[in-house]
Amino acid sequence: MSKKTSMTPKAASRIQAAADRSGKNQAFKSRSMSTAAKKGK
């Protein structure tokens, strides 16, 4: 099991870029950006 880390805007951006390239995980992409925005405050 991987360790838990906070979702950072940089990590969310990486996830978004990967999802855009693959065309998959669009729902996860939006959730990750939302979480990063909340945690970044």
Protein backbone atom coordinates (compact mmCIF):
# COMPACT_ATOMS: atom_id res chain seq x y z
CA MET A 1 0.00 0.00 0.00
CA SER A 2 1.33 3.43 -0.84
CA LYS A 3 1.71 6.14 1.74
CA LYS A 4 -0.86 8.91 1.85
CA THR A 5 0.25 12.34 0.73
CA SER A 6 -1.65 15.54 0.17
CA MET A 7 -2.80 16.40 -3.32
CA THR A 8 -0.78 19.40 -4.44
CA PRO A 9 -1.56 21.63 -7.39
CA LYS A 10 1.60 20.31 -9.07
CA ALA A 11 0.48 16.69 -8.64
CA ALA A 12 -3.01 17.54 -9.90
CA SER A 13 -1.50 19.19 -12.95
CA ARG A 14 0.55 16.05 -13.65
CA ILE A 15 -2.59 13.90 -13.37
CA GLN A 16 -4.51 16.24 -15.66
CA ALA A 17 -1.79 16.13 -18.29
CA ALA A 18 -1.66 12.32 -18.20
CA ALA A 19 -5.45 12.08 -18.45
CA ASP A 20 -5.46 14.48 -21.40
CA ARG A 21 -2.84 12.42 -23.23
CA SER A 22 -4.63 9.12 -22.63
CA GLY A 23 -8.20 10.39 -23.03
CA LYS A 24 -9.17 8.37 -19.96
CA ASN A 25 -9.81 9.15 -16.29
CA GLN A 26 -11.59 12.41 -17.04
CA ALA A 27 -13.66 12.17 -13.84
CA PHE A 28 -10.57 11.53 -11.74
CA LYS A 29 -8.88 14.49 -13.38
CA SER A 30 -11.60 16.88 -12.22
CA ARG A 31 -11.67 15.39 -8.72
CA SER A 32 -7.91 15.75 -8.34
CA MET A 33 -7.99 19.39 -9.42
CA SER A 34 -10.83 20.10 -7.00
CA THR A 35 -9.01 18.45 -4.11
CA ALA A 36 -5.78 20.28 -4.85
CA ALA A 37 -7.64 23.59 -4.96
CA LYS A 38 -9.21 22.94 -1.56
CA LYS A 39 -5.94 21.80 0.04
CA GLY A 40 -3.97 24.65 -1.50
CA LYS A 41 -5.86 27.27 0.49
